[in-house]
Amino acid sequence: MNNPALSREALEDLWRERTEAALKRYRIAKVECAKAISEQNGMEPPDGSFAYRKALRVENAALAEYRHVLLIFSDLVASGKMPPAE
């Protein structure tokens, strides 16, 4: 995202928003995973374990996305490293 029209401050704001959105998605996925774990006890396999595995995959993907966006944001803020082109 080497858009010369965006100032560094605007880039920081953009990536801050992306970081906050990714964190929100991760927190939601984490809650859903915990819910799937608690519901798994009352279900017979394979339905219970399938729901849990699916929720866990979603949580892991959300965490990976959050880590990726956070790294880009922190590199931008801490060292001025420009985000990759989109």
N, C-alpha and C. Protein backbone atom coordinates (compact mmCIF):
# COMPACT_ATOMS: atom_id res chain seq x y z
N MET A 1 0.84 -1.17 0.00
CA MET A 1 0.00 0.00 0.00
C MET A 1 0.89 1.23 0.00
N ASN A 2 1.61 1.44 -1.04
CA ASN A 2 2.49 2.59 -1.15
C ASN A 2 1.77 3.69 -1.90
N ASN A 3 0.71 4.17 -1.31
CA ASN A 3 -0.09 5.22 -1.90
C ASN A 3 0.44 6.56 -1.42
N PRO A 4 1.07 7.34 -2.33
CA PRO A 4 1.64 8.61 -1.90
C PRO A 4 0.59 9.62 -1.45
N ALA A 5 -0.66 9.38 -1.80
CA ALA A 5 -1.72 10.31 -1.41
C ALA A 5 -2.04 10.21 0.08
N LEU A 6 -1.68 9.09 0.70
CA LEU A 6 -1.96 8.91 2.12
C LEU A 6 -0.74 9.32 2.94
N SER A 7 -0.94 10.16 3.91
CA SER A 7 0.13 10.54 4.81
C SER A 7 0.42 9.38 5.76
N ARG A 8 1.53 9.48 6.45
CA ARG A 8 1.85 8.43 7.42
C ARG A 8 0.78 8.38 8.50
N GLU A 9 0.30 9.54 8.92
CA GLU A 9 -0.75 9.58 9.95
C GLU A 9 -2.01 8.87 9.45
N ALA A 10 -2.37 9.10 8.20
CA ALA A 10 -3.55 8.45 7.63
C ALA A 10 -3.33 6.94 7.54
N LEU A 11 -2.11 6.54 7.17
CA LEU A 11 -1.80 5.11 7.12
C LEU A 11 -1.90 4.49 8.51
N GLU A 12 -1.38 5.19 9.51
CA GLU A 12 -1.46 4.67 10.87
C GLU A 12 -2.92 4.53 11.31
N ASP A 13 -3.73 5.52 10.98
CA ASP A 13 -5.16 5.44 11.32
C ASP A 13 -5.82 4.25 10.63
N LEU A 14 -5.52 4.08 9.35
CA LEU A 14 -6.09 2.97 8.58
C LEU A 14 -5.70 1.62 9.19
N TRP A 15 -4.41 1.44 9.49
CA TRP A 15 -3.95 0.17 10.03
C TRP A 15 -4.37 -0.01 11.48
N ARG A 16 -4.55 1.07 12.21
CA ARG A 16 -5.09 0.95 13.57
C ARG A 16 -6.51 0.40 13.51
N GLU A 17 -7.30 0.93 12.59
CA GLU A 17 -8.68 0.44 12.42
C GLU A 17 -8.69 -1.03 12.01
N ARG A 18 -7.80 -1.39 11.10
CA ARG A 18 -7.72 -2.78 10.67
C ARG A 18 -7.30 -3.70 11.81
N THR A 19 -6.39 -3.21 12.64
CA THR A 19 -5.95 -3.99 13.79
C THR A 19 -7.09 -4.19 14.78
N GLU A 20 -7.81 -3.12 15.06
CA GLU A 20 -8.94 -3.21 15.98
C GLU A 20 -10.02 -4.15 15.44
N ALA A 21 -10.29 -4.08 14.14
CA ALA A 21 -11.30 -4.96 13.53
C ALA A 21 -10.86 -6.42 13.59
N ALA A 22 -9.57 -6.67 13.32
CA ALA A 22 -9.06 -8.04 13.38
C ALA A 22 -9.11 -8.57 14.81
N LEU A 23 -8.81 -7.73 15.78
CA LEU A 23 -8.88 -8.15 17.18
C LEU A 23 -10.32 -8.48 17.56
N LYS A 24 -11.24 -7.67 17.10
CA LYS A 24 -12.66 -7.92 17.40
C LYS A 24 -13.10 -9.26 16.80
N ARG A 25 -12.69 -9.55 15.55
CA ARG A 25 -13.05 -10.83 14.92
C ARG A 25 -12.42 -12.00 15.69
N TYR A 26 -11.18 -11.81 16.15
CA TYR A 26 -10.53 -12.88 16.92
C TYR A 26 -11.26 -13.12 18.24
N ARG A 27 -11.62 -12.07 18.92
CA ARG A 27 -12.32 -12.23 20.20
C ARG A 27 -13.66 -12.93 20.01
N ILE A 28 -14.37 -12.60 18.96
CA ILE A 28 -15.65 -13.26 18.67
C ILE A 28 -15.41 -14.74 18.38
N ALA A 29 -14.39 -15.04 17.57
CA ALA A 29 -14.08 -16.43 17.24
C ALA A 29 -13.68 -17.21 18.49
N LYS A 30 -12.96 -16.57 19.39
CA LYS A 30 -12.54 -17.22 20.63
C LYS A 30 -13.75 -17.58 21.50
N VAL A 31 -14.71 -16.67 21.58
CA VAL A 31 -15.93 -16.92 22.33
C VAL A 31 -16.71 -18.08 21.70
N GLU A 32 -16.80 -18.07 20.38
CA GLU A 32 -17.51 -19.15 19.68
C GLU A 32 -16.82 -20.49 19.89
N CYS A 33 -15.51 -20.48 19.94
CA CYS A 33 -14.78 -21.73 20.17
C CYS A 33 -15.04 -22.25 21.58
N ALA A 34 -15.03 -21.37 22.55
CA ALA A 34 -15.33 -21.76 23.93
C ALA A 34 -16.76 -22.30 24.03
N LYS A 35 -17.66 -21.68 23.30
CA LYS A 35 -19.05 -22.13 23.27
C LYS A 35 -19.14 -23.54 22.66
N ALA A 36 -18.39 -23.76 21.59
CA ALA A 36 -18.39 -25.07 20.94
C ALA A 36 -17.83 -26.14 21.86
N ILE A 37 -16.82 -25.77 22.65
CA ILE A 37 -16.25 -26.73 23.61
C ILE A 37 -17.30 -27.12 24.65
N SER A 38 -18.00 -26.12 25.18
CA SER A 38 -19.00 -26.41 26.21
C SER A 38 -20.17 -27.21 25.65
N GLU A 39 -20.53 -26.96 24.39
CA GLU A 39 -21.64 -27.68 23.77
C GLU A 39 -21.23 -29.08 23.32
N GLN A 40 -19.93 -29.28 23.14
CA GLN A 40 -19.44 -30.57 22.68
C GLN A 40 -19.75 -31.67 23.69
N ASN A 41 -19.74 -31.33 24.96
CA ASN A 41 -19.99 -32.33 26.00
C ASN A 41 -21.37 -32.95 25.89
N GLY A 42 -22.35 -32.22 25.38
CA GLY A 42 -23.71 -32.74 25.29
C GLY A 42 -24.02 -33.40 23.95
N MET A 43 -23.06 -33.40 23.03
CA MET A 43 -23.30 -33.96 21.70
C MET A 43 -22.57 -35.28 21.51
N GLU A 44 -23.15 -36.10 20.72
CA GLU A 44 -22.51 -37.35 20.36
C GLU A 44 -21.51 -37.09 19.23
N PRO A 45 -20.41 -37.81 19.24
CA PRO A 45 -19.49 -37.69 18.11
C PRO A 45 -20.18 -38.20 16.85
N PRO A 46 -19.92 -37.76 15.69
CA PRO A 46 -18.89 -36.79 15.34
C PRO A 46 -19.38 -35.34 15.36
N ASP A 47 -20.67 -35.10 15.59
CA ASP A 47 -21.20 -33.73 15.50
C ASP A 47 -20.52 -32.78 16.47
N GLY A 48 -20.35 -33.19 17.70
CA GLY A 48 -19.74 -32.33 18.70
C GLY A 48 -18.30 -32.00 18.37
N SER A 49 -17.54 -33.00 17.99
CA SER A 49 -16.14 -32.75 17.67
C SER A 49 -16.01 -31.98 16.36
N PHE A 50 -16.92 -32.19 15.42
CA PHE A 50 -16.88 -31.45 14.16
C PHE A 50 -17.11 -29.96 14.41
N ALA A 51 -18.10 -29.63 15.23
CA ALA A 51 -18.39 -28.23 15.54
C ALA A 51 -17.21 -27.58 16.24
N TYR A 52 -16.59 -28.31 17.15
CA TYR A 52 -15.44 -27.77 17.86
C TYR A 52 -14.27 -27.55 16.90
N ARG A 53 -13.98 -28.54 16.06
CA ARG A 53 -12.86 -28.41 15.11
C ARG A 53 -13.09 -27.24 14.16
N LYS A 54 -14.32 -27.08 13.72
CA LYS A 54 -14.64 -25.97 12.83
C LYS A 54 -14.43 -24.63 13.55
N ALA A 55 -14.92 -24.51 14.77
CA ALA A 55 -14.75 -23.28 15.55
C ALA A 55 -13.27 -23.01 15.83
N LEU A 56 -12.52 -24.06 16.08
CA LEU A 56 -11.09 -23.91 16.33
C LEU A 56 -10.36 -23.42 15.08
N ARG A 57 -10.74 -23.93 13.91
CA ARG A 57 -10.12 -23.46 12.66
C ARG A 57 -10.41 -21.99 12.45
N VAL A 58 -11.65 -21.57 12.71
CA VAL A 58 -12.02 -20.17 12.56
C VAL A 58 -11.22 -19.31 13.54
N GLU A 59 -11.11 -19.78 14.78
CA GLU A 59 -10.34 -19.03 15.78
C GLU A 59 -8.88 -18.90 15.36
N ASN A 60 -8.29 -19.99 14.90
CA ASN A 60 -6.88 -19.96 14.48
C ASN A 60 -6.67 -19.03 13.29
N ALA A 61 -7.60 -19.04 12.35
CA ALA A 61 -7.49 -18.14 11.20
C ALA A 61 -7.62 -16.68 11.65
N ALA A 62 -8.53 -16.42 12.57
CA ALA A 62 -8.71 -15.05 13.07
C ALA A 62 -7.47 -14.59 13.83
N LEU A 63 -6.86 -15.49 14.59
CA LEU A 63 -5.64 -15.14 15.32
C LEU A 63 -4.50 -14.86 14.35
N ALA A 64 -4.37 -15.68 13.31
CA ALA A 64 -3.32 -15.46 12.32
C ALA A 64 -3.50 -14.11 11.62
N GLU A 65 -4.75 -13.79 11.29
CA GLU A 65 -5.03 -12.51 10.64
C GLU A 65 -4.68 -11.35 11.59
N TYR A 66 -5.07 -11.47 12.86
CA TYR A 66 -4.78 -10.42 13.83
C TYR A 66 -3.27 -10.24 13.98
N ARG A 67 -2.54 -11.32 14.10
CA ARG A 67 -1.08 -11.24 14.24
C ARG A 67 -0.46 -10.57 13.03
N HIS A 68 -0.93 -10.91 11.84
CA HIS A 68 -0.41 -10.33 10.60
C HIS A 68 -0.66 -8.83 10.56
N VAL A 69 -1.89 -8.42 10.83
CA VAL A 69 -2.25 -7.00 10.79
C VAL A 69 -1.53 -6.23 11.89
N LEU A 70 -1.42 -6.83 13.07
CA LEU A 70 -0.73 -6.18 14.18
C LEU A 70 0.75 -5.97 13.85
N LEU A 71 1.37 -6.93 13.22
CA LEU A 71 2.78 -6.81 12.83
C LEU A 71 2.96 -5.66 11.84
N ILE A 72 2.09 -5.58 10.85
CA ILE A 72 2.16 -4.49 9.88
C ILE A 72 1.99 -3.15 10.58
N PHE A 73 1.00 -3.06 11.46
CA PHE A 73 0.73 -1.82 12.18
C PHE A 73 1.91 -1.43 13.08
N SER A 74 2.42 -2.38 13.82
CA SER A 74 3.53 -2.06 14.74
C SER A 74 4.80 -1.69 13.97
N ASP A 75 5.06 -2.35 12.84
CA ASP A 75 6.21 -1.97 12.01
C ASP A 75 6.06 -0.54 11.49
N LEU A 76 4.85 -0.19 11.10
CA LEU A 76 4.59 1.16 10.61
C LEU A 76 4.80 2.20 11.70
N VAL A 77 4.23 1.94 12.87
CA VAL A 77 4.30 2.91 13.96
C VAL A 77 5.71 2.98 14.56
N ALA A 78 6.30 1.84 14.82
CA ALA A 78 7.58 1.81 15.53
C ALA A 78 8.77 2.18 14.65
N SER A 79 8.77 1.74 13.41
CA SER A 79 9.96 1.96 12.59
C SER A 79 9.68 2.66 11.26
N GLY A 80 8.43 3.01 11.02
CA GLY A 80 8.11 3.72 9.78
C GLY A 80 8.11 2.84 8.54
N LYS A 81 8.12 1.53 8.74
CA LYS A 81 8.13 0.60 7.61
C LYS A 81 6.76 0.65 6.93
N MET A 82 6.76 0.92 5.65
CA MET A 82 5.51 1.03 4.90
C MET A 82 4.86 -0.34 4.72
N PRO A 83 3.54 -0.39 4.81
CA PRO A 83 2.83 -1.66 4.62
C PRO A 83 3.00 -2.17 3.18
N PRO A 84 2.83 -3.45 2.99
CA PRO A 84 2.94 -4.01 1.63
C PRO A 84 1.83 -3.49 0.73
N ALA A 85 2.09 -3.49 -0.55
CA ALA A 85 1.07 -3.08 -1.53
C ALA A 85 -0.07 -4.06 -1.49
N GLU A 86 -1.27 -3.54 -1.65
CA GLU A 86 -2.46 -4.41 -1.60
C GLU A 86 -2.88 -4.83 -2.97
